[in-house]
Amino acid sequence: MSDSEKAGTTQANGAWPLWEIFIRSRQGLDHKHVGSLHAADAQMAIENARDVYTRRMEGISIWVVESKYIHASNPTEAGALYDPADDKAYRHPTFYQLPEELKHM
C-alpha cells in the first residue's frame, strides 16, 4: 500500500475523500450535520472540522463520517418505506381515550 493510500487518497484522481461533519452543541444532546469537508483521514477531518465549524466554541463533540459510508433512502420510494406504519393504529395517539382530568395533553 502506498503512502497516499494510507493517507486516505484512495480516489483515482488523488483527491482526499469527502467527510460529513456533525457537531454537538453545548446545549444540545444530539449531533447536527453542519457541513462537509475534504481530509486525508478521520483525524485530519476532526481537526479541520474543529477549525472550520467550532471557531466560537460552539461545540463539545465532533463526529466525522466518510461520505461514501452514508446510505440514504430514495425519496421516490417513500410510500413503500413508510406506508406499513399506517396500519398500526396503536402507534397513533388518537387510538387512546384520555380521562377528562387530562385537559392539557
N, C-alpha and C. Protein backbone atom coordinates (compact mmCIF):
# COMPACT_ATOMS: atom_id res chain seq x y z
N MET A 1 0.85 -1.17 0.00
CA MET A 1 0.00 0.00 0.00
C MET A 1 0.90 1.24 0.00
N SER A 2 0.60 2.17 -0.89
CA SER A 2 1.43 3.38 -0.98
C SER A 2 1.09 4.34 0.15
N ASP A 3 1.97 5.33 0.35
CA ASP A 3 1.73 6.33 1.39
C ASP A 3 0.46 7.13 1.12
N SER A 4 0.18 7.40 -0.15
CA SER A 4 -1.03 8.16 -0.47
C SER A 4 -2.28 7.36 -0.14
N GLU A 5 -2.23 6.03 -0.33
CA GLU A 5 -3.39 5.20 0.03
C GLU A 5 -3.56 5.15 1.54
N LYS A 6 -2.47 5.10 2.29
CA LYS A 6 -2.56 5.10 3.74
C LYS A 6 -3.14 6.41 4.25
N ALA A 7 -2.87 7.50 3.56
CA ALA A 7 -3.34 8.81 3.98
C ALA A 7 -4.78 9.06 3.57
N GLY A 8 -5.41 8.12 2.88
CA GLY A 8 -6.81 8.26 2.55
C GLY A 8 -7.06 8.69 1.11
N THR A 9 -6.03 8.96 0.32
CA THR A 9 -6.23 9.38 -1.06
C THR A 9 -6.41 8.16 -1.94
N THR A 10 -7.50 7.47 -1.75
CA THR A 10 -7.75 6.25 -2.49
C THR A 10 -8.54 6.51 -3.76
N GLN A 11 -8.99 7.73 -3.98
CA GLN A 11 -9.72 8.04 -5.19
C GLN A 11 -8.77 8.04 -6.37
N ALA A 12 -9.30 7.73 -7.53
CA ALA A 12 -8.47 7.62 -8.72
C ALA A 12 -7.77 8.93 -9.06
N ASN A 13 -8.40 10.07 -8.78
CA ASN A 13 -7.81 11.35 -9.12
C ASN A 13 -6.85 11.87 -8.04
N GLY A 14 -6.66 11.12 -6.97
CA GLY A 14 -5.74 11.52 -5.91
C GLY A 14 -6.32 12.51 -4.92
N ALA A 15 -7.59 12.88 -5.06
CA ALA A 15 -8.22 13.84 -4.15
C ALA A 15 -8.52 13.17 -2.80
N TRP A 16 -8.51 13.96 -1.77
CA TRP A 16 -8.88 13.44 -0.45
C TRP A 16 -10.37 13.14 -0.41
N PRO A 17 -10.77 12.15 0.39
CA PRO A 17 -12.20 11.82 0.47
C PRO A 17 -13.00 12.92 1.15
N LEU A 18 -14.29 12.92 0.87
CA LEU A 18 -15.22 13.87 1.46
C LEU A 18 -15.74 13.32 2.78
N TRP A 19 -15.79 14.15 3.80
CA TRP A 19 -16.27 13.78 5.13
C TRP A 19 -17.47 14.63 5.50
N GLU A 20 -18.47 14.02 6.11
CA GLU A 20 -19.63 14.74 6.63
C GLU A 20 -19.35 15.04 8.10
N ILE A 21 -19.66 16.26 8.51
CA ILE A 21 -19.31 16.72 9.85
C ILE A 21 -20.57 16.93 10.68
N PHE A 22 -20.55 16.38 11.90
CA PHE A 22 -21.66 16.51 12.85
C PHE A 22 -21.09 17.09 14.14
N ILE A 23 -21.76 18.13 14.67
CA ILE A 23 -21.31 18.81 15.88
C ILE A 23 -22.41 18.73 16.94
N ARG A 24 -22.03 18.46 18.17
CA ARG A 24 -22.96 18.54 19.30
C ARG A 24 -22.70 19.84 20.02
N SER A 25 -23.73 20.67 20.16
CA SER A 25 -23.57 21.96 20.81
C SER A 25 -23.57 21.80 22.32
N ARG A 26 -23.22 22.84 22.99
CA ARG A 26 -23.20 22.83 24.46
C ARG A 26 -24.59 22.60 25.04
N GLN A 27 -25.61 23.13 24.39
CA GLN A 27 -26.97 23.00 24.91
C GLN A 27 -27.66 21.73 24.41
N GLY A 28 -27.18 21.14 23.35
CA GLY A 28 -27.88 20.02 22.73
C GLY A 28 -27.42 18.66 23.20
N LEU A 29 -28.27 17.69 22.97
CA LEU A 29 -27.95 16.31 23.29
C LEU A 29 -27.63 15.50 22.05
N ASP A 30 -27.99 16.05 20.89
CA ASP A 30 -27.76 15.31 19.65
C ASP A 30 -26.75 16.04 18.77
N HIS A 31 -26.12 15.30 17.90
CA HIS A 31 -25.19 15.88 16.94
C HIS A 31 -25.99 16.34 15.72
N LYS A 32 -25.65 17.49 15.17
CA LYS A 32 -26.33 18.03 13.99
C LYS A 32 -25.33 18.14 12.85
N HIS A 33 -25.80 17.82 11.66
CA HIS A 33 -24.95 17.93 10.48
C HIS A 33 -24.71 19.42 10.21
N VAL A 34 -23.43 19.79 10.09
CA VAL A 34 -23.09 21.19 9.88
C VAL A 34 -22.42 21.43 8.54
N GLY A 35 -21.97 20.38 7.86
CA GLY A 35 -21.33 20.57 6.57
C GLY A 35 -20.43 19.42 6.20
N SER A 36 -19.63 19.68 5.18
CA SER A 36 -18.72 18.66 4.64
C SER A 36 -17.36 19.28 4.41
N LEU A 37 -16.34 18.44 4.39
CA LEU A 37 -15.00 18.89 4.04
C LEU A 37 -14.17 17.72 3.55
N HIS A 38 -13.10 18.03 2.85
CA HIS A 38 -12.17 17.01 2.37
C HIS A 38 -11.01 16.91 3.35
N ALA A 39 -10.59 15.68 3.63
CA ALA A 39 -9.44 15.44 4.52
C ALA A 39 -8.84 14.09 4.17
N ALA A 40 -7.57 13.94 4.50
CA ALA A 40 -6.86 12.70 4.19
C ALA A 40 -7.32 11.53 5.04
N ASP A 41 -7.68 11.79 6.31
CA ASP A 41 -8.11 10.72 7.20
C ASP A 41 -9.03 11.30 8.26
N ALA A 42 -9.54 10.43 9.14
CA ALA A 42 -10.51 10.85 10.15
C ALA A 42 -9.92 11.88 11.11
N GLN A 43 -8.69 11.69 11.53
CA GLN A 43 -8.08 12.63 12.46
C GLN A 43 -7.96 14.02 11.85
N MET A 44 -7.54 14.08 10.60
CA MET A 44 -7.44 15.37 9.92
C MET A 44 -8.82 15.99 9.75
N ALA A 45 -9.82 15.16 9.47
CA ALA A 45 -11.19 15.66 9.32
C ALA A 45 -11.68 16.26 10.63
N ILE A 46 -11.39 15.63 11.76
CA ILE A 46 -11.80 16.16 13.06
C ILE A 46 -11.10 17.50 13.33
N GLU A 47 -9.80 17.55 13.07
CA GLU A 47 -9.05 18.79 13.31
C GLU A 47 -9.52 19.91 12.40
N ASN A 48 -9.76 19.61 11.13
CA ASN A 48 -10.25 20.63 10.20
C ASN A 48 -11.67 21.07 10.58
N ALA A 49 -12.51 20.12 11.00
CA ALA A 49 -13.87 20.45 11.42
C ALA A 49 -13.84 21.36 12.65
N ARG A 50 -12.94 21.09 13.56
CA ARG A 50 -12.78 21.95 14.74
C ARG A 50 -12.46 23.37 14.29
N ASP A 51 -11.52 23.50 13.36
CA ASP A 51 -11.10 24.82 12.91
C ASP A 51 -12.18 25.55 12.11
N VAL A 52 -12.93 24.80 11.32
CA VAL A 52 -13.92 25.42 10.45
C VAL A 52 -15.26 25.64 11.14
N TYR A 53 -15.73 24.66 11.91
CA TYR A 53 -17.11 24.69 12.41
C TYR A 53 -17.24 25.02 13.90
N THR A 54 -16.15 25.11 14.63
CA THR A 54 -16.28 25.44 16.06
C THR A 54 -15.34 26.58 16.44
N ARG A 55 -15.25 27.59 15.60
CA ARG A 55 -14.34 28.72 15.86
C ARG A 55 -14.74 29.52 17.08
N ARG A 56 -16.02 29.53 17.41
CA ARG A 56 -16.51 30.33 18.54
C ARG A 56 -16.91 29.46 19.72
N MET A 57 -16.27 28.32 19.86
CA MET A 57 -16.53 27.40 20.98
C MET A 57 -17.98 26.92 21.00
N GLU A 58 -18.58 26.68 19.81
CA GLU A 58 -19.97 26.25 19.73
C GLU A 58 -20.17 24.80 20.13
N GLY A 59 -19.19 23.96 19.93
CA GLY A 59 -19.41 22.54 20.11
C GLY A 59 -18.61 21.92 21.23
N ILE A 60 -19.09 20.74 21.65
CA ILE A 60 -18.35 19.98 22.66
C ILE A 60 -18.00 18.58 22.16
N SER A 61 -18.52 18.23 20.97
CA SER A 61 -18.23 16.91 20.41
C SER A 61 -18.33 16.99 18.89
N ILE A 62 -17.41 16.31 18.21
CA ILE A 62 -17.39 16.29 16.75
C ILE A 62 -17.42 14.84 16.28
N TRP A 63 -18.31 14.56 15.34
CA TRP A 63 -18.33 13.28 14.65
C TRP A 63 -17.98 13.54 13.19
N VAL A 64 -17.18 12.68 12.60
CA VAL A 64 -16.90 12.74 11.17
C VAL A 64 -17.21 11.36 10.57
N VAL A 65 -17.85 11.38 9.41
CA VAL A 65 -18.19 10.15 8.71
C VAL A 65 -17.81 10.33 7.25
N GLU A 66 -17.02 9.40 6.74
CA GLU A 66 -16.67 9.49 5.33
C GLU A 66 -17.94 9.32 4.50
N SER A 67 -18.16 10.25 3.59
CA SER A 67 -19.42 10.32 2.84
C SER A 67 -19.76 9.02 2.12
N LYS A 68 -18.77 8.29 1.67
CA LYS A 68 -19.06 7.05 0.93
C LYS A 68 -19.73 6.00 1.80
N TYR A 69 -19.71 6.16 3.12
CA TYR A 69 -20.33 5.19 4.00
C TYR A 69 -21.74 5.58 4.42
N ILE A 70 -22.24 6.69 3.91
CA ILE A 70 -23.60 7.11 4.23
C ILE A 70 -24.53 6.59 3.16
N HIS A 71 -25.58 5.93 3.58
CA HIS A 71 -26.58 5.39 2.66
C HIS A 71 -27.92 6.02 3.03
N ALA A 72 -28.68 6.40 2.03
CA ALA A 72 -29.95 7.07 2.26
C ALA A 72 -31.07 6.38 1.50
N SER A 73 -32.28 6.55 2.00
CA SER A 73 -33.43 6.02 1.29
C SER A 73 -33.70 6.89 0.06
N ASN A 74 -34.40 6.33 -0.89
CA ASN A 74 -34.75 7.03 -2.11
C ASN A 74 -36.10 7.72 -1.89
N PRO A 75 -36.17 9.04 -2.07
CA PRO A 75 -37.45 9.74 -1.84
C PRO A 75 -38.59 9.23 -2.72
N THR A 76 -38.28 8.69 -3.89
CA THR A 76 -39.35 8.18 -4.75
C THR A 76 -39.94 6.88 -4.22
N GLU A 77 -39.27 6.24 -3.28
CA GLU A 77 -39.76 5.00 -2.69
C GLU A 77 -40.31 5.21 -1.28
N ALA A 78 -40.62 6.45 -0.94
CA ALA A 78 -41.08 6.78 0.42
C ALA A 78 -42.38 6.06 0.76
N GLY A 79 -43.27 5.93 -0.19
CA GLY A 79 -44.55 5.27 0.08
C GLY A 79 -44.37 3.86 0.57
N ALA A 80 -43.58 3.09 -0.12
CA ALA A 80 -43.35 1.69 0.28
C ALA A 80 -42.60 1.59 1.59
N LEU A 81 -41.78 2.59 1.88
CA LEU A 81 -40.98 2.55 3.10
C LEU A 81 -41.79 2.93 4.34
N TYR A 82 -42.68 3.93 4.20
CA TYR A 82 -43.38 4.46 5.37
C TYR A 82 -44.83 4.02 5.49
N ASP A 83 -45.46 3.56 4.42
CA ASP A 83 -46.86 3.17 4.47
C ASP A 83 -47.16 2.03 5.44
N PRO A 84 -46.28 1.06 5.63
CA PRO A 84 -46.62 -0.02 6.57
C PRO A 84 -46.97 0.47 7.97
N ALA A 85 -46.53 1.64 8.37
CA ALA A 85 -46.85 2.16 9.70
C ALA A 85 -48.30 2.61 9.82
N ASP A 86 -48.96 2.86 8.68
CA ASP A 86 -50.34 3.33 8.70
C ASP A 86 -51.32 2.32 9.28
N ASP A 87 -51.01 1.03 9.18
CA ASP A 87 -51.94 0.02 9.66
C ASP A 87 -51.73 -0.35 11.14
N LYS A 88 -50.95 0.43 11.83
CA LYS A 88 -50.69 0.18 13.25
C LYS A 88 -51.30 1.31 14.08
N ALA A 89 -52.61 1.23 14.27
CA ALA A 89 -53.34 2.30 14.94
C ALA A 89 -52.85 2.55 16.36
N TYR A 90 -52.34 1.52 17.00
CA TYR A 90 -51.88 1.68 18.37
C TYR A 90 -50.68 2.63 18.47
N ARG A 91 -50.05 2.94 17.37
CA ARG A 91 -48.92 3.88 17.39
C ARG A 91 -49.38 5.34 17.35
N HIS A 92 -50.63 5.56 17.06
CA HIS A 92 -51.16 6.91 16.94
C HIS A 92 -51.90 7.30 18.21
N PRO A 93 -51.71 8.52 18.69
CA PRO A 93 -52.35 8.92 19.95
C PRO A 93 -53.87 8.97 19.87
N THR A 94 -54.44 9.01 18.68
CA THR A 94 -55.90 9.05 18.55
C THR A 94 -56.55 7.74 18.96
N PHE A 95 -55.77 6.70 19.11
CA PHE A 95 -56.28 5.38 19.49
C PHE A 95 -56.70 5.36 20.96
N TYR A 96 -56.09 6.18 21.77
CA TYR A 96 -56.31 6.15 23.21
C TYR A 96 -57.37 7.15 23.64
N GLN A 97 -58.20 6.74 24.58
CA GLN A 97 -59.19 7.63 25.19
C GLN A 97 -58.60 8.19 26.48
N LEU A 98 -58.45 9.50 26.55
CA LEU A 98 -57.88 10.13 27.74
C LEU A 98 -58.97 10.51 28.72
N PRO A 99 -58.68 10.39 30.01
CA PRO A 99 -59.65 10.81 31.02
C PRO A 99 -59.90 12.31 30.96
N GLU A 100 -61.05 12.73 31.42
CA GLU A 100 -61.42 14.16 31.41
C GLU A 100 -60.45 15.01 32.21
N GLU A 101 -59.81 14.44 33.24
CA GLU A 101 -58.89 15.19 34.08
C GLU A 101 -57.67 15.70 33.30
N LEU A 102 -57.35 15.04 32.22
CA LEU A 102 -56.19 15.40 31.41
C LEU A 102 -56.62 16.31 30.27
N LYS A 103 -56.73 17.59 30.54
CA LYS A 103 -57.22 18.53 29.53
C LYS A 103 -56.09 19.18 28.75
N HIS A 104 -54.87 19.08 29.22
CA HIS A 104 -53.77 19.80 28.60
C HIS A 104 -52.77 18.90 27.90
N MET A 105 -53.20 17.78 27.43
CA MET A 105 -52.28 16.89 26.70
C MET A 105 -52.52 17.01 25.22
